[in-house]
Amino acid sequence: MIAETVCSAVSAAGLGIAAVTAYRKRFLAAARIAAYSLIPIGLVMTGTVEWAADTAFSPTAWAGVVVLGAAWALFATTRAVERRRGGTRDERKEARKAQRDAVAPAASAPSLGPGDRSSGRPASAGRADSSDDFSDIEAILKKHGI
């Protein structure tokens, strides 16, 4: 008797929280909370303590099975909608932020230009020695006072 009362209270509280969550326009989360809150009352309605004797002939037990099935259907539906949308709300926010933070998200790999295939070196590498490369770097460092 006490277990049924506690499970009923937990279910009622969970459905209240689901209603508040739905009021805040977070319908997937509200459906998931409702599914979790239906489980205790479904277990009470199935009569797990006296399963063998009461389940086959009890309409309340079969109603509990239906409630558990409804909870499972809500879980499956919310999961399918999440997959279709591309993840949870937070995951989508992080993906959008990462795309905005990227320097050049649509840029392709740099091209080396047409090269001489026989030597294996690009045609743009026409410098005589590598000292010119370091002089450019030294000029940049001097410009910034380093």
N, C-alpha and C. Protein backbone atom coordinates (compact mmCIF):
# COMPACT_ATOMS: atom_id res chain seq x y z
N MET A 1 0.81 -1.19 0.00
CA MET A 1 0.00 0.00 0.00
C MET A 1 0.86 1.26 0.00
N ILE A 2 1.89 1.28 0.82
CA ILE A 2 2.77 2.46 0.87
C ILE A 2 3.57 2.59 -0.42
N ALA A 3 4.04 1.46 -0.97
CA ALA A 3 4.82 1.51 -2.20
C ALA A 3 3.99 2.08 -3.35
N GLU A 4 2.72 1.71 -3.43
CA GLU A 4 1.85 2.23 -4.47
C GLU A 4 1.64 3.73 -4.31
N THR A 5 1.49 4.17 -3.08
CA THR A 5 1.30 5.60 -2.82
C THR A 5 2.54 6.40 -3.19
N VAL A 6 3.71 5.89 -2.80
CA VAL A 6 4.96 6.58 -3.13
C VAL A 6 5.16 6.64 -4.64
N CYS A 7 4.94 5.52 -5.32
CA CYS A 7 5.12 5.50 -6.77
C CYS A 7 4.13 6.44 -7.46
N SER A 8 2.91 6.49 -6.96
CA SER A 8 1.90 7.40 -7.52
C SER A 8 2.31 8.85 -7.32
N ALA A 9 2.84 9.17 -6.13
CA ALA A 9 3.28 10.54 -5.86
C ALA A 9 4.46 10.92 -6.74
N VAL A 10 5.39 9.98 -6.92
CA VAL A 10 6.55 10.26 -7.78
C VAL A 10 6.08 10.49 -9.22
N SER A 11 5.15 9.69 -9.69
CA SER A 11 4.63 9.86 -11.04
C SER A 11 3.91 11.19 -11.20
N ALA A 12 3.10 11.54 -10.22
CA ALA A 12 2.38 12.82 -10.29
C ALA A 12 3.34 14.00 -10.30
N ALA A 13 4.37 13.92 -9.47
CA ALA A 13 5.37 15.00 -9.43
C ALA A 13 6.11 15.08 -10.77
N GLY A 14 6.46 13.94 -11.32
CA GLY A 14 7.15 13.93 -12.60
C GLY A 14 6.31 14.49 -13.72
N LEU A 15 5.02 14.17 -13.73
CA LEU A 15 4.14 14.73 -14.75
C LEU A 15 3.96 16.23 -14.57
N GLY A 16 3.98 16.71 -13.32
CA GLY A 16 3.94 18.15 -13.08
C GLY A 16 5.17 18.84 -13.61
N ILE A 17 6.32 18.23 -13.38
CA ILE A 17 7.57 18.80 -13.90
C ILE A 17 7.56 18.78 -15.42
N ALA A 18 7.03 17.73 -16.01
CA ALA A 18 6.92 17.65 -17.47
C ALA A 18 6.02 18.75 -18.01
N ALA A 19 4.93 19.04 -17.30
CA ALA A 19 4.03 20.11 -17.73
C ALA A 19 4.73 21.47 -17.69
N VAL A 20 5.49 21.71 -16.64
CA VAL A 20 6.23 22.98 -16.55
C VAL A 20 7.28 23.06 -17.65
N THR A 21 7.93 21.95 -17.92
CA THR A 21 8.94 21.92 -18.98
C THR A 21 8.30 22.18 -20.34
N ALA A 22 7.13 21.59 -20.59
CA ALA A 22 6.42 21.83 -21.85
C ALA A 22 5.96 23.28 -21.95
N TYR A 23 5.58 23.87 -20.82
CA TYR A 23 5.18 25.28 -20.81
C TYR A 23 6.35 26.18 -21.23
N ARG A 24 7.57 25.74 -20.92
CA ARG A 24 8.77 26.49 -21.30
C ARG A 24 9.22 26.19 -22.72
N LYS A 25 8.38 25.48 -23.48
CA LYS A 25 8.59 25.16 -24.89
C LYS A 25 9.81 24.26 -25.12
N ARG A 26 10.06 23.35 -24.19
CA ARG A 26 11.09 22.33 -24.36
C ARG A 26 10.36 20.99 -24.43
N PHE A 27 9.73 20.77 -25.59
CA PHE A 27 8.80 19.66 -25.72
C PHE A 27 9.48 18.30 -25.70
N LEU A 28 10.65 18.18 -26.29
CA LEU A 28 11.35 16.88 -26.26
C LEU A 28 11.73 16.51 -24.83
N ALA A 29 12.24 17.47 -24.10
CA ALA A 29 12.60 17.20 -22.71
C ALA A 29 11.35 16.89 -21.89
N ALA A 30 10.26 17.59 -22.16
CA ALA A 30 9.02 17.33 -21.43
C ALA A 30 8.49 15.93 -21.72
N ALA A 31 8.58 15.51 -22.96
CA ALA A 31 8.13 14.15 -23.31
C ALA A 31 9.00 13.10 -22.63
N ARG A 32 10.30 13.35 -22.56
CA ARG A 32 11.20 12.40 -21.90
C ARG A 32 10.93 12.34 -20.39
N ILE A 33 10.69 13.49 -19.77
CA ILE A 33 10.36 13.52 -18.34
C ILE A 33 9.04 12.80 -18.09
N ALA A 34 8.07 13.00 -18.98
CA ALA A 34 6.78 12.32 -18.83
C ALA A 34 6.97 10.81 -18.94
N ALA A 35 7.83 10.39 -19.85
CA ALA A 35 8.09 8.95 -20.00
C ALA A 35 8.71 8.38 -18.73
N TYR A 36 9.69 9.09 -18.16
CA TYR A 36 10.29 8.62 -16.91
C TYR A 36 9.27 8.59 -15.77
N SER A 37 8.40 9.58 -15.73
CA SER A 37 7.46 9.64 -14.61
C SER A 37 6.33 8.62 -14.75
N LEU A 38 6.08 8.10 -15.93
CA LEU A 38 5.05 7.08 -16.10
C LEU A 38 5.53 5.69 -15.69
N ILE A 39 6.84 5.50 -15.60
CA ILE A 39 7.38 4.17 -15.27
C ILE A 39 6.95 3.70 -13.87
N PRO A 40 7.08 4.51 -12.81
CA PRO A 40 6.67 3.99 -11.49
C PRO A 40 5.20 3.61 -11.42
N ILE A 41 4.34 4.43 -11.99
CA ILE A 41 2.91 4.10 -11.92
C ILE A 41 2.62 2.88 -12.80
N GLY A 42 3.34 2.74 -13.89
CA GLY A 42 3.17 1.56 -14.73
C GLY A 42 3.60 0.30 -14.01
N LEU A 43 4.69 0.40 -13.26
CA LEU A 43 5.13 -0.76 -12.47
C LEU A 43 4.15 -1.10 -11.37
N VAL A 44 3.56 -0.09 -10.75
CA VAL A 44 2.55 -0.34 -9.73
C VAL A 44 1.33 -0.99 -10.36
N MET A 45 0.94 -0.48 -11.51
CA MET A 45 -0.25 -1.00 -12.17
C MET A 45 -0.05 -2.43 -12.67
N THR A 46 1.17 -2.81 -12.99
CA THR A 46 1.41 -4.19 -13.43
C THR A 46 1.40 -5.16 -12.27
N GLY A 47 1.59 -4.70 -11.05
CA GLY A 47 1.57 -5.59 -9.88
C GLY A 47 2.74 -6.54 -9.89
N THR A 48 3.93 -6.00 -9.88
CA THR A 48 5.13 -6.82 -9.97
C THR A 48 5.27 -7.80 -8.81
N VAL A 49 4.71 -7.47 -7.64
CA VAL A 49 4.82 -8.36 -6.47
C VAL A 49 4.00 -9.63 -6.69
N GLU A 50 2.83 -9.49 -7.20
CA GLU A 50 1.96 -10.65 -7.44
C GLU A 50 1.81 -10.90 -8.93
N TRP A 51 2.89 -10.90 -9.63
CA TRP A 51 2.90 -10.97 -11.10
C TRP A 51 2.23 -12.25 -11.63
N ALA A 52 2.59 -13.36 -11.12
CA ALA A 52 2.11 -14.62 -11.68
C ALA A 52 0.60 -14.78 -11.53
N ALA A 53 0.05 -14.37 -10.40
CA ALA A 53 -1.37 -14.60 -10.15
C ALA A 53 -2.26 -13.54 -10.79
N ASP A 54 -1.84 -12.30 -10.75
CA ASP A 54 -2.73 -11.22 -11.15
C ASP A 54 -2.56 -10.74 -12.59
N THR A 55 -1.43 -10.94 -13.18
CA THR A 55 -1.15 -10.33 -14.48
C THR A 55 -2.06 -10.83 -15.59
N ALA A 56 -2.26 -12.11 -15.66
CA ALA A 56 -3.00 -12.67 -16.79
C ALA A 56 -4.45 -12.21 -16.82
N PHE A 57 -5.09 -11.99 -15.69
CA PHE A 57 -6.52 -11.71 -15.66
C PHE A 57 -6.88 -10.31 -15.16
N SER A 58 -5.88 -9.50 -14.86
CA SER A 58 -6.15 -8.18 -14.30
C SER A 58 -6.15 -7.11 -15.39
N PRO A 59 -7.26 -6.41 -15.58
CA PRO A 59 -7.27 -5.31 -16.54
C PRO A 59 -6.33 -4.17 -16.11
N THR A 60 -6.17 -3.98 -14.80
CA THR A 60 -5.25 -2.96 -14.31
C THR A 60 -3.82 -3.29 -14.70
N ALA A 61 -3.45 -4.56 -14.62
CA ALA A 61 -2.10 -4.97 -15.00
C ALA A 61 -1.87 -4.73 -16.50
N TRP A 62 -2.85 -5.06 -17.31
CA TRP A 62 -2.71 -4.84 -18.74
C TRP A 62 -2.70 -3.35 -19.07
N ALA A 63 -3.42 -2.56 -18.29
CA ALA A 63 -3.35 -1.10 -18.46
C ALA A 63 -1.95 -0.61 -18.11
N GLY A 64 -1.35 -1.23 -17.09
CA GLY A 64 0.03 -0.88 -16.74
C GLY A 64 0.99 -1.22 -17.85
N VAL A 65 0.77 -2.35 -18.51
CA VAL A 65 1.61 -2.72 -19.66
C VAL A 65 1.44 -1.69 -20.77
N VAL A 66 0.23 -1.23 -20.97
CA VAL A 66 -0.02 -0.20 -21.99
C VAL A 66 0.70 1.10 -21.62
N VAL A 67 0.65 1.46 -20.34
CA VAL A 67 1.34 2.69 -19.89
C VAL A 67 2.85 2.55 -20.10
N LEU A 68 3.40 1.38 -19.77
CA LEU A 68 4.83 1.15 -20.02
C LEU A 68 5.15 1.22 -21.50
N GLY A 69 4.26 0.69 -22.32
CA GLY A 69 4.44 0.78 -23.78
C GLY A 69 4.41 2.23 -24.26
N ALA A 70 3.52 3.03 -23.66
CA ALA A 70 3.46 4.45 -24.02
C ALA A 70 4.75 5.15 -23.62
N ALA A 71 5.30 4.80 -22.45
CA ALA A 71 6.57 5.39 -22.03
C ALA A 71 7.67 5.01 -23.01
N TRP A 72 7.70 3.75 -23.42
CA TRP A 72 8.71 3.31 -24.38
C TRP A 72 8.53 4.04 -25.71
N ALA A 73 7.30 4.21 -26.16
CA ALA A 73 7.04 4.91 -27.42
C ALA A 73 7.50 6.37 -27.34
N LEU A 74 7.30 7.01 -26.19
CA LEU A 74 7.78 8.39 -26.03
C LEU A 74 9.30 8.44 -26.09
N PHE A 75 9.97 7.49 -25.43
CA PHE A 75 11.44 7.44 -25.52
C PHE A 75 11.89 7.29 -26.96
N ALA A 76 11.30 6.33 -27.68
CA ALA A 76 11.71 6.05 -29.05
C ALA A 76 11.44 7.25 -29.95
N THR A 77 10.31 7.91 -29.77
CA THR A 77 9.97 9.06 -30.60
C THR A 77 10.91 10.22 -30.37
N THR A 78 11.19 10.53 -29.10
CA THR A 78 12.10 11.65 -28.83
C THR A 78 13.50 11.35 -29.33
N ARG A 79 13.93 10.11 -29.25
CA ARG A 79 15.25 9.73 -29.75
C ARG A 79 15.32 9.88 -31.27
N ALA A 80 14.26 9.46 -31.95
CA ALA A 80 14.23 9.58 -33.41
C ALA A 80 14.23 11.05 -33.84
N VAL A 81 13.49 11.89 -33.13
CA VAL A 81 13.47 13.31 -33.46
C VAL A 81 14.83 13.93 -33.22
N GLU A 82 15.50 13.55 -32.12
CA GLU A 82 16.84 14.06 -31.85
C GLU A 82 17.82 13.69 -32.94
N ARG A 83 17.76 12.44 -33.39
CA ARG A 83 18.66 12.02 -34.47
C ARG A 83 18.39 12.78 -35.75
N ARG A 84 17.12 13.01 -36.04
CA ARG A 84 16.77 13.71 -37.27
C ARG A 84 17.23 15.16 -37.23
N ARG A 85 17.13 15.78 -36.06
CA ARG A 85 17.57 17.17 -35.92
C ARG A 85 19.08 17.30 -35.85
N GLY A 86 19.77 16.23 -35.55
CA GLY A 86 21.23 16.29 -35.47
C GLY A 86 21.74 16.47 -34.06
N GLY A 87 21.14 15.86 -33.09
CA GLY A 87 21.64 15.92 -31.72
C GLY A 87 20.77 16.75 -30.82
N THR A 88 21.21 16.91 -29.60
CA THR A 88 20.46 17.69 -28.63
C THR A 88 20.67 19.17 -28.89
N ARG A 89 19.93 19.97 -28.18
CA ARG A 89 20.00 21.42 -28.34
C ARG A 89 21.42 21.94 -28.06
N ASP A 90 22.04 21.44 -27.00
CA ASP A 90 23.39 21.89 -26.64
C ASP A 90 24.42 21.47 -27.68
N GLU A 91 24.29 20.26 -28.22
CA GLU A 91 25.22 19.80 -29.25
C GLU A 91 25.12 20.67 -30.50
N ARG A 92 23.90 21.05 -30.89
CA ARG A 92 23.73 21.91 -32.07
C ARG A 92 24.31 23.28 -31.82
N LYS A 93 24.15 23.82 -30.58
CA LYS A 93 24.73 25.12 -30.26
C LYS A 93 26.25 25.08 -30.36
N GLU A 94 26.86 24.02 -29.82
CA GLU A 94 28.31 23.89 -29.87
C GLU A 94 28.81 23.76 -31.31
N ALA A 95 28.08 23.03 -32.14
CA ALA A 95 28.48 22.87 -33.54
C ALA A 95 28.41 24.21 -34.27
N ARG A 96 27.35 24.99 -34.02
CA ARG A 96 27.25 26.30 -34.66
C ARG A 96 28.35 27.24 -34.18
N LYS A 97 28.67 27.18 -32.88
CA LYS A 97 29.72 28.04 -32.33
C LYS A 97 31.07 27.66 -32.92
N ALA A 98 31.33 26.36 -33.05
CA ALA A 98 32.60 25.92 -33.62
C ALA A 98 32.72 26.35 -35.07
N GLN A 99 31.63 26.35 -35.80
CA GLN A 99 31.68 26.77 -37.20
C GLN A 99 31.92 28.27 -37.29
N ARG A 100 31.30 29.05 -36.37
CA ARG A 100 31.53 30.50 -36.38
C ARG A 100 32.95 30.84 -35.98
N ASP A 101 33.52 30.07 -35.03
CA ASP A 101 34.84 30.36 -34.52
C ASP A 101 35.95 29.95 -35.48
N ALA A 102 35.64 29.14 -36.46
CA ALA A 102 36.67 28.70 -37.41
C ALA A 102 37.14 29.89 -38.23
N VAL A 103 38.42 29.91 -38.57
CA VAL A 103 38.98 31.02 -39.32
C VAL A 103 38.40 31.06 -40.72
N ALA A 104 38.44 29.96 -41.41
CA ALA A 104 37.89 29.89 -42.76
C ALA A 104 37.25 28.51 -42.92
N PRO A 105 36.00 28.36 -42.48
CA PRO A 105 35.41 27.03 -42.48
C PRO A 105 35.19 26.44 -43.86
N ALA A 106 35.03 27.29 -44.88
CA ALA A 106 34.76 26.77 -46.22
C ALA A 106 36.00 26.79 -47.11
N ALA A 107 37.15 27.11 -46.54
CA ALA A 107 38.36 27.20 -47.36
C ALA A 107 38.87 25.81 -47.72
N SER A 108 39.43 25.72 -48.90
CA SER A 108 40.00 24.44 -49.33
C SER A 108 41.50 24.45 -49.03
N ALA A 109 42.14 23.34 -49.32
CA ALA A 109 43.58 23.24 -49.10
C ALA A 109 44.31 24.17 -50.05
N PRO A 110 45.43 24.75 -49.62
CA PRO A 110 46.14 25.68 -50.50
C PRO A 110 46.73 24.95 -51.70
N SER A 111 46.73 25.66 -52.81
CA SER A 111 47.27 25.09 -54.04
C SER A 111 48.73 25.52 -54.18
N LEU A 112 49.56 24.62 -54.65
CA LEU A 112 50.96 24.95 -54.86
C LEU A 112 51.21 25.48 -56.26
N GLY A 113 50.19 25.49 -57.08
CA GLY A 113 50.33 26.01 -58.43
C GLY A 113 50.88 24.94 -59.36
N PRO A 114 50.95 25.29 -60.64
CA PRO A 114 51.48 24.30 -61.60
C PRO A 114 52.97 24.09 -61.37
N GLY A 115 53.36 22.87 -61.28
CA GLY A 115 54.75 22.57 -61.01
C GLY A 115 55.39 21.79 -62.14
N ASP A 116 56.70 21.73 -62.11
CA ASP A 116 57.46 20.94 -63.07
C ASP A 116 57.43 19.50 -62.58
N ARG A 117 56.79 18.65 -63.33
CA ARG A 117 56.59 17.27 -62.88
C ARG A 117 57.90 16.47 -62.89
N SER A 118 58.82 16.85 -63.68
CA SER A 118 60.06 16.05 -63.76
C SER A 118 60.94 16.26 -62.53
N SER A 119 60.98 17.47 -61.99
CA SER A 119 61.85 17.71 -60.84
C SER A 119 61.14 17.48 -59.52
N GLY A 120 59.80 17.46 -59.51
CA GLY A 120 59.08 17.25 -58.28
C GLY A 120 58.96 18.50 -57.44
N ARG A 121 59.43 19.67 -57.98
CA ARG A 121 59.34 20.94 -57.26
C ARG A 121 58.33 21.84 -57.95
N PRO A 122 57.58 22.62 -57.22
CA PRO A 122 56.64 23.54 -57.85
C PRO A 122 57.37 24.65 -58.61
N ALA A 123 56.71 25.21 -59.61
CA ALA A 123 57.32 26.26 -60.42
C ALA A 123 57.50 27.55 -59.63
N SER A 124 56.69 27.77 -58.60
CA SER A 124 56.79 29.00 -57.83
C SER A 124 58.01 29.02 -56.90
N ALA A 125 58.69 27.91 -56.74
CA ALA A 125 59.86 27.85 -55.86
C ALA A 125 61.10 28.22 -56.67
N GLY A 126 61.17 29.48 -57.07
CA GLY A 126 62.27 29.91 -57.91
C GLY A 126 63.34 30.66 -57.18
N ARG A 127 63.39 30.62 -55.87
CA ARG A 127 64.41 31.35 -55.13
C ARG A 127 65.74 30.61 -55.19
N ALA A 128 66.78 31.38 -55.18
CA ALA A 128 68.11 30.80 -55.34
C ALA A 128 68.55 30.05 -54.09
N ASP A 129 68.36 30.66 -52.93
CA ASP A 129 68.73 29.98 -51.69
C ASP A 129 67.72 30.32 -50.60
N SER A 130 67.86 29.72 -49.47
CA SER A 130 66.87 29.89 -48.41
C SER A 130 67.14 31.11 -47.54
N SER A 131 68.19 31.85 -47.78
CA SER A 131 68.49 33.03 -46.97
C SER A 131 67.46 34.13 -47.19
N ASP A 132 66.83 34.16 -48.38
CA ASP A 132 65.78 35.15 -48.63
C ASP A 132 64.58 34.89 -47.73
N ASP A 133 64.29 33.63 -47.47
CA ASP A 133 63.17 33.30 -46.60
C ASP A 133 63.40 33.86 -45.20
N PHE A 134 64.59 33.69 -44.69
CA PHE A 134 64.88 34.15 -43.34
C PHE A 134 64.95 35.67 -43.27
N SER A 135 65.33 36.33 -44.34
CA SER A 135 65.38 37.79 -44.33
C SER A 135 63.97 38.37 -44.22
N ASP A 136 62.99 37.70 -44.86
CA ASP A 136 61.60 38.15 -44.72
C ASP A 136 61.14 38.02 -43.28
N ILE A 137 61.47 36.91 -42.67
CA ILE A 137 61.07 36.68 -41.28
C ILE A 137 61.75 37.67 -40.36
N GLU A 138 63.04 37.93 -40.59
CA GLU A 138 63.75 38.91 -39.77
C GLU A 138 63.14 40.30 -39.92
N ALA A 139 62.70 40.65 -41.11
CA ALA A 139 62.10 41.96 -41.32
C ALA A 139 60.79 42.08 -40.55
N ILE A 140 60.01 41.02 -40.54
CA ILE A 140 58.74 41.04 -39.80
C ILE A 140 59.00 41.16 -38.31
N LEU A 141 59.98 40.41 -37.80
CA LEU A 141 60.30 40.48 -36.37
C LEU A 141 60.80 41.86 -35.98
N LYS A 142 61.64 42.47 -36.82
CA LYS A 142 62.16 43.82 -36.52
C LYS A 142 61.03 44.83 -36.53
N LYS A 143 60.08 44.65 -37.45
CA LYS A 143 58.95 45.57 -37.53
C LYS A 143 58.14 45.57 -36.24
N HIS A 144 58.01 44.42 -35.60
CA HIS A 144 57.26 44.31 -34.35
C HIS A 144 58.13 44.50 -33.13
N GLY A 145 59.41 44.80 -33.30
CA GLY A 145 60.27 45.08 -32.18
C GLY A 145 60.74 43.86 -31.42
N ILE A 146 60.81 42.75 -32.10
CA ILE A 146 61.23 41.52 -31.43
C ILE A 146 62.67 41.22 -31.84
